[in-house]
Amino acid sequence: KTTDIDFLISMPPRLKRKIDVPDALAPLGFRVEFNNAGYMTLYNPELHIDFMVPEKGKGVDHPVTVDRLGVRATALRYLSLLLDNRITVERDGLRVNLPDTVNFGVHKLLISTRRAKEAKAAKDFLNGCEILHAVMDNGEASKIKSLWTSIPEGWRKTALQSFKKGLERISESVDAPRVGQFEEVKAFLAQR
């Protein structure tokens, strides 16, 4: 379980009408909180909601205002990967777009290299490896190869570089057979 939800917003947002998200969630007890840099979180005692947009070009070090939603979002590298090949899940009449499993796994490897906190970097690396190994184990390695060959060469290098430090970070908490599975993922990704 988590108390954090991250909403990824495509830029520009594909909305037919303007929606003030903070006002819409206020009746549910959500309040707006800004940190020192101006980044916005909606929170109530049970949940924190953050908004993100894909970082483009050289990036920005300030919040990105999304007027159509009334929010300030954080621009982060590699998020565009999560917008590609999305899947839609419907439950109880609610439709939610989620990242494709393979895209999510590769994204986790990529962001593990950018995390300042060691524990979060290790968790992202571990999750990325587990997801990609599960896809391979399910006989769908071709999906990984298809995505892998479509992303920029620099991203592939970064993801492969994540293994050196990532395996060190998890070495004490993960048993040898699982580490072996992660080595299989690395070997598969390193194939030309």
C-alpha atoms as a PDB file:
ATOM      1  CA  LYS A   1       0.000   0.000   0.000  1.00  0.00           C
ATOM      2  CA  THR A   2       0.995   3.575  -0.497  1.00  0.00           C
ATOM      3  CA  THR A   3      -0.313   6.928   0.601  1.00  0.00           C
ATOM      4  CA  ASP A   4       1.112   8.663  -2.469  1.00  0.00           C
ATOM      5  CA  ILE A   5      -0.453   8.921  -5.899  1.00  0.00           C
ATOM      6  CA  ASP A   6       1.423  10.444  -8.815  1.00  0.00           C
ATOM      7  CA  PHE A   7      -0.624  11.822 -11.708  1.00  0.00           C
ATOM      8  CA  LEU A   8       1.254  12.088 -14.983  1.00  0.00           C
ATOM      9  CA  ILE A   9      -0.075  14.804 -17.263  1.00  0.00           C
ATOM     10  CA  SER A  10       0.715  14.817 -20.961  1.00  0.00           C
ATOM     11  CA  MET A  11       1.800  18.195 -22.238  1.00  0.00           C
ATOM     12  CA  PRO A  12      -0.152  19.866 -23.528  1.00  0.00           C
ATOM     13  CA  PRO A  13      -2.995  18.189 -21.610  1.00  0.00           C
ATOM     14  CA  ARG A  14      -5.593  16.523 -23.794  1.00  0.00           C
ATOM     15  CA  LEU A  15      -8.655  17.953 -22.100  1.00  0.00           C
ATOM     16  CA  LYS A  16     -11.870  19.213 -23.632  1.00  0.00           C
ATOM     17  CA  ARG A  17     -12.610  21.523 -20.714  1.00  0.00           C
ATOM     18  CA  LYS A  18     -10.871  23.183 -17.826  1.00  0.00           C
ATOM     19  CA  ILE A  19     -11.059  21.390 -14.465  1.00  0.00           C
ATOM     20  CA  ASP A  20      -9.811  22.952 -11.244  1.00  0.00           C
ATOM     21  CA  VAL A  21      -8.535  19.810  -9.531  1.00  0.00           C
ATOM     22  CA  PRO A  22      -7.839  21.396  -6.103  1.00  0.00           C
ATOM     23  CA  ASP A  23     -11.380  22.832  -5.991  1.00  0.00           C
ATOM     24  CA  ALA A  24     -12.884  19.527  -7.143  1.00  0.00           C
ATOM     25  CA  LEU A  25     -11.070  17.590  -4.392  1.00  0.00           C
ATOM     26  CA  ALA A  26     -11.617  20.122  -1.579  1.00  0.00           C
ATOM     27  CA  PRO A  27     -14.974  18.562  -0.564  1.00  0.00           C
ATOM     28  CA  LEU A  28     -13.059  15.291   0.018  1.00  0.00           C
ATOM     29  CA  GLY A  29     -10.814  17.023   2.535  1.00  0.00           C
ATOM     30  CA  PHE A  30      -7.869  17.681   0.226  1.00  0.00           C
ATOM     31  CA  ARG A  31      -5.780  20.755   0.861  1.00  0.00           C
ATOM     32  CA  VAL A  32      -3.080  22.342  -1.268  1.00  0.00           C
ATOM     33  CA  GLU A  33       0.469  22.397   0.047  1.00  0.00           C
ATOM     34  CA  PHE A  34       3.459  24.062  -1.631  1.00  0.00           C
ATOM     35  CA  ASN A  35       7.051  23.291  -0.753  1.00  0.00           C
ATOM     36  CA  ASN A  36       9.798  25.933  -0.671  1.00  0.00           C
ATOM     37  CA  ALA A  37      10.438  25.613  -4.413  1.00  0.00           C
ATOM     38  CA  GLY A  38       6.742  26.027  -5.248  1.00  0.00           C
ATOM     39  CA  TYR A  39       5.943  22.405  -6.089  1.00  0.00           C
ATOM     40  CA  MET A  40       2.374  21.466  -5.267  1.00  0.00           C
ATOM     41  CA  THR A  41       0.879  18.497  -3.403  1.00  0.00           C
ATOM     42  CA  LEU A  42      -2.765  17.838  -2.615  1.00  0.00           C
ATOM     43  CA  TYR A  43      -3.088  16.078   0.691  1.00  0.00           C
ATOM     44  CA  ASN A  44      -5.524  14.809   3.249  1.00  0.00           C
ATOM     45  CA  PRO A  45      -4.762  12.572   6.236  1.00  0.00           C
ATOM     46  CA  GLU A  46      -4.909   9.423   4.090  1.00  0.00           C
ATOM     47  CA  LEU A  47      -3.449  10.417   0.739  1.00  0.00           C
ATOM     48  CA  HIS A  48      -0.932  12.700  -0.993  1.00  0.00           C
ATOM     49  CA  ILE A  49      -1.308  13.526  -4.678  1.00  0.00           C
ATOM     50  CA  ASP A  50       1.555  14.881  -6.769  1.00  0.00           C
ATOM     51  CA  PHE A  51       1.394  16.002 -10.390  1.00  0.00           C
ATOM     52  CA  MET A  52       4.138  15.392 -12.948  1.00  0.00           C
ATOM     53  CA  VAL A  53       4.836  16.253 -16.568  1.00  0.00           C
ATOM     54  CA  PRO A  54       7.536  14.889 -18.888  1.00  0.00           C
ATOM     55  CA  GLU A  55      10.681  16.983 -18.882  1.00  0.00           C
ATOM     56  CA  LYS A  56      11.624  18.233 -22.333  1.00  0.00           C
ATOM     57  CA  GLY A  57      14.869  19.557 -23.730  1.00  0.00           C
ATOM     58  CA  LYS A  58      17.333  20.734 -21.118  1.00  0.00           C
ATOM     59  CA  GLY A  59      14.621  20.628 -18.498  1.00  0.00           C
ATOM     60  CA  VAL A  60      13.423  23.112 -15.921  1.00  0.00           C
ATOM     61  CA  ASP A  61      14.110  23.512 -12.226  1.00  0.00           C
ATOM     62  CA  HIS A  62      10.784  25.061 -11.321  1.00  0.00           C
ATOM     63  CA  PRO A  63       7.145  23.932 -11.237  1.00  0.00           C
ATOM     64  CA  VAL A  64       5.244  23.745 -14.512  1.00  0.00           C
ATOM     65  CA  THR A  65       1.820  25.361 -14.300  1.00  0.00           C
ATOM     66  CA  VAL A  66      -0.946  23.323 -15.905  1.00  0.00           C
ATOM     67  CA  ASP A  67      -3.693  25.921 -16.237  1.00  0.00           C
ATOM     68  CA  ARG A  68      -6.286  23.472 -17.593  1.00  0.00           C
ATOM     69  CA  LEU A  69      -6.125  21.566 -14.286  1.00  0.00           C
ATOM     70  CA  GLY A  70      -5.264  24.338 -11.850  1.00  0.00           C
ATOM     71  CA  VAL A  71      -2.112  22.542 -10.668  1.00  0.00           C
ATOM     72  CA  ARG A  72       1.648  22.988 -10.586  1.00  0.00           C
ATOM     73  CA  ALA A  73       3.514  19.917 -11.727  1.00  0.00           C
ATOM     74  CA  THR A  74       7.043  18.637 -11.413  1.00  0.00           C
ATOM     75  CA  ALA A  75       8.860  18.085 -14.720  1.00  0.00           C
ATOM     76  CA  LEU A  76      10.911  14.887 -14.634  1.00  0.00           C
ATOM     77  CA  ARG A  77      13.135  13.127 -17.155  1.00  0.00           C
ATOM     78  CA  TYR A  78      11.987   9.871 -18.782  1.00  0.00           C
ATOM     79  CA  LEU A  79       8.267  10.337 -17.977  1.00  0.00           C
ATOM     80  CA  SER A  80       7.378  10.413 -21.672  1.00  0.00           C
ATOM     81  CA  LEU A  81       8.140   6.687 -21.642  1.00  0.00           C
ATOM     82  CA  LEU A  82       5.142   6.144 -19.352  1.00  0.00           C
ATOM     83  CA  LEU A  83       2.785   7.878 -21.787  1.00  0.00           C
ATOM     84  CA  ASP A  84       3.669   5.513 -24.635  1.00  0.00           C
ATOM     85  CA  ASN A  85       1.714   2.255 -25.076  1.00  0.00           C
ATOM     86  CA  ARG A  86      -0.618   2.980 -22.147  1.00  0.00           C
ATOM     87  CA  ILE A  87      -3.211   0.474 -21.045  1.00  0.00           C
ATOM     88  CA  THR A  88      -6.682   1.320 -19.791  1.00  0.00           C
ATOM     89  CA  VAL A  89      -8.101  -0.443 -16.765  1.00  0.00           C
ATOM     90  CA  GLU A  90     -11.770  -0.172 -15.889  1.00  0.00           C
ATOM     91  CA  ARG A  91     -13.249  -1.032 -12.541  1.00  0.00           C
ATOM     92  CA  ASP A  92     -16.524  -0.024 -10.950  1.00  0.00           C
ATOM     93  CA  GLY A  93     -17.193   2.339 -13.845  1.00  0.00           C
ATOM     94  CA  LEU A  94     -13.898   4.179 -13.430  1.00  0.00           C
ATOM     95  CA  ARG A  95     -11.417   4.146 -16.309  1.00  0.00           C
ATOM     96  CA  VAL A  96      -7.769   4.740 -15.514  1.00  0.00           C
ATOM     97  CA  ASN A  97      -4.843   4.949 -17.939  1.00  0.00           C
ATOM     98  CA  LEU A  98      -1.755   3.154 -16.670  1.00  0.00           C
ATOM     99  CA  PRO A  99       1.736   2.723 -18.107  1.00  0.00           C
ATOM    100  CA  ASP A 100       2.466  -0.406 -20.099  1.00  0.00           C
ATOM    101  CA  THR A 101       4.262  -2.975 -17.933  1.00  0.00           C
ATOM    102  CA  VAL A 102       7.445  -3.028 -20.016  1.00  0.00           C
ATOM    103  CA  ASN A 103       7.588   0.770 -20.238  1.00  0.00           C
ATOM    104  CA  PHE A 104       7.143   0.965 -16.471  1.00  0.00           C
ATOM    105  CA  GLY A 105       9.941  -1.562 -15.842  1.00  0.00           C
ATOM    106  CA  VAL A 106      12.435   0.241 -18.082  1.00  0.00           C
ATOM    107  CA  HIS A 107      11.392   3.571 -16.544  1.00  0.00           C
ATOM    108  CA  LYS A 108      12.164   2.227 -13.067  1.00  0.00           C
ATOM    109  CA  LEU A 109      15.689   1.277 -14.164  1.00  0.00           C
ATOM    110  CA  LEU A 110      16.208   4.730 -15.641  1.00  0.00           C
ATOM    111  CA  ILE A 111      14.995   6.694 -12.639  1.00  0.00           C
ATOM    112  CA  SER A 112      16.992   4.547 -10.234  1.00  0.00           C
ATOM    113  CA  THR A 113      20.065   6.311 -11.631  1.00  0.00           C
ATOM    114  CA  ARG A 114      18.650   9.757 -10.790  1.00  0.00           C
ATOM    115  CA  ARG A 115      17.472   9.191  -7.223  1.00  0.00           C
ATOM    116  CA  ALA A 116      19.283  11.084  -4.499  1.00  0.00           C
ATOM    117  CA  LYS A 117      18.118   8.736  -1.751  1.00  0.00           C
ATOM    118  CA  GLU A 118      19.801   5.334  -1.811  1.00  0.00           C
ATOM    119  CA  ALA A 119      16.740   3.488  -0.480  1.00  0.00           C
ATOM    120  CA  LYS A 120      14.479   4.863  -3.225  1.00  0.00           C
ATOM    121  CA  ALA A 121      17.094   4.150  -5.898  1.00  0.00           C
ATOM    122  CA  ALA A 122      17.404   0.556  -4.685  1.00  0.00           C
ATOM    123  CA  LYS A 123      13.626   0.110  -4.617  1.00  0.00           C
ATOM    124  CA  ASP A 124      13.230   1.497  -8.152  1.00  0.00           C
ATOM    125  CA  PHE A 125      16.023  -0.719  -9.480  1.00  0.00           C
ATOM    126  CA  LEU A 126      14.581  -3.781  -7.759  1.00  0.00           C
ATOM    127  CA  ASN A 127      11.076  -3.082  -9.076  1.00  0.00           C
ATOM    128  CA  GLY A 128      12.352  -2.524 -12.620  1.00  0.00           C
ATOM    129  CA  CYS A 129      14.299  -5.779 -12.625  1.00  0.00           C
ATOM    130  CA  GLU A 130      11.437  -7.775 -11.141  1.00  0.00           C
ATOM    131  CA  ILE A 131       8.957  -6.418 -13.673  1.00  0.00           C
ATOM    132  CA  LEU A 132      11.187  -7.069 -16.680  1.00  0.00           C
ATOM    133  CA  HIS A 133      12.132 -10.533 -15.456  1.00  0.00           C
ATOM    134  CA  ALA A 134       8.445 -11.390 -14.977  1.00  0.00           C
ATOM    135  CA  VAL A 135       7.741 -10.280 -18.563  1.00  0.00           C
ATOM    136  CA  MET A 136      10.628 -12.449 -19.803  1.00  0.00           C
ATOM    137  CA  ASP A 137       9.487 -15.364 -17.651  1.00  0.00           C
ATOM    138  CA  ASN A 138       6.018 -15.008 -19.146  1.00  0.00           C
ATOM    139  CA  GLY A 139       7.441 -15.585 -22.640  1.00  0.00           C
ATOM    140  CA  GLU A 140       7.008 -11.961 -23.739  1.00  0.00           C
ATOM    141  CA  ALA A 141      10.633 -10.884 -24.068  1.00  0.00           C
ATOM    142  CA  SER A 142       9.861  -9.638 -27.583  1.00  0.00           C
ATOM    143  CA  LYS A 143       7.837  -6.801 -25.990  1.00  0.00           C
ATOM    144  CA  ILE A 144      10.913  -5.705 -24.085  1.00  0.00           C
ATOM    145  CA  LYS A 145      13.088  -5.885 -27.209  1.00  0.00           C
ATOM    146  CA  SER A 146      10.532  -3.879 -29.185  1.00  0.00           C
ATOM    147  CA  LEU A 147      10.511  -1.069 -26.644  1.00  0.00           C
ATOM    148  CA  TRP A 148      14.260  -1.289 -26.069  1.00  0.00           C
ATOM    149  CA  THR A 149      15.093  -0.720 -29.727  1.00  0.00           C
ATOM    150  CA  SER A 150      12.684   2.228 -29.936  1.00  0.00           C
ATOM    151  CA  ILE A 151      14.119   4.339 -27.114  1.00  0.00           C
ATOM    152  CA  PRO A 152      17.115   6.665 -27.524  1.00  0.00           C
ATOM    153  CA  GLU A 153      20.589   5.125 -27.326  1.00  0.00           C
ATOM    154  CA  GLY A 154      21.442   7.348 -24.342  1.00  0.00           C
ATOM    155  CA  TRP A 155      18.477   5.961 -22.414  1.00  0.00           C
ATOM    156  CA  ARG A 156      19.591   2.388 -23.167  1.00  0.00           C
ATOM    157  CA  LYS A 157      23.100   3.173 -21.896  1.00  0.00           C
ATOM    158  CA  THR A 158      21.694   4.739 -18.727  1.00  0.00           C
ATOM    159  CA  ALA A 159      19.419   1.755 -18.062  1.00  0.00           C
ATOM    160  CA  LEU A 160      22.304  -0.683 -18.537  1.00  0.00           C
ATOM    161  CA  GLN A 161      24.519   1.429 -16.266  1.00  0.00           C
ATOM    162  CA  SER A 162      21.860   1.143 -13.553  1.00  0.00           C
ATOM    163  CA  PHE A 163      22.836  -2.495 -13.017  1.00  0.00           C
ATOM    164  CA  LYS A 164      26.303  -1.837 -11.606  1.00  0.00           C
ATOM    165  CA  LYS A 165      25.188   0.364  -8.740  1.00  0.00           C
ATOM    166  CA  GLY A 166      21.725  -1.219  -8.515  1.00  0.00           C
ATOM    167  CA  LEU A 167      23.064  -4.709  -7.882  1.00  0.00           C
ATOM    168  CA  GLU A 168      25.407  -3.307  -5.221  1.00  0.00           C
ATOM    169  CA  ARG A 169      22.514  -1.520  -3.508  1.00  0.00           C
ATOM    170  CA  ILE A 170      20.365  -4.637  -3.253  1.00  0.00           C
ATOM    171  CA  SER A 171      23.103  -7.238  -2.657  1.00  0.00           C
ATOM    172  CA  GLU A 172      22.433  -7.545   1.074  1.00  0.00           C
ATOM    173  CA  SER A 173      18.640  -7.712   0.840  1.00  0.00           C
ATOM    174  CA  VAL A 174      18.145  -9.964  -2.183  1.00  0.00           C
ATOM    175  CA  ASP A 175      19.002 -13.660  -2.369  1.00  0.00           C
ATOM    176  CA  ALA A 176      21.408 -15.066  -4.969  1.00  0.00           C
ATOM    177  CA  PRO A 177      18.748 -16.677  -7.229  1.00  0.00           C
ATOM    178  CA  ARG A 178      16.949 -13.340  -7.624  1.00  0.00           C
ATOM    179  CA  VAL A 179      20.229 -11.557  -8.321  1.00  0.00           C
ATOM    180  CA  GLY A 180      20.811 -14.194 -11.003  1.00  0.00           C
ATOM    181  CA  GLN A 181      17.428 -13.327 -12.535  1.00  0.00           C
ATOM    182  CA  PHE A 182      18.396  -9.660 -12.621  1.00  0.00           C
ATOM    183  CA  GLU A 183      21.675 -10.579 -14.334  1.00  0.00           C
ATOM    184  CA  GLU A 184      19.540 -12.375 -16.963  1.00  0.00           C
ATOM    185  CA  VAL A 185      17.600  -9.145 -17.515  1.00  0.00           C
ATOM    186  CA  LYS A 186      20.855  -7.215 -17.934  1.00  0.00           C
ATOM    187  CA  ALA A 187      22.231  -9.789 -20.383  1.00  0.00           C
ATOM    188  CA  PHE A 188      19.017  -9.684 -22.407  1.00  0.00           C
ATOM    189  CA  LEU A 189      19.067  -5.890 -22.597  1.00  0.00           C
ATOM    190  CA  ALA A 190      22.757  -5.855 -23.528  1.00  0.00           C
ATOM    191  CA  GLN A 191      22.182  -8.063 -26.600  1.00  0.00           C
ATOM    192  CA  ARG A 192      22.592  -6.291 -29.902  1.00  0.00           C
END
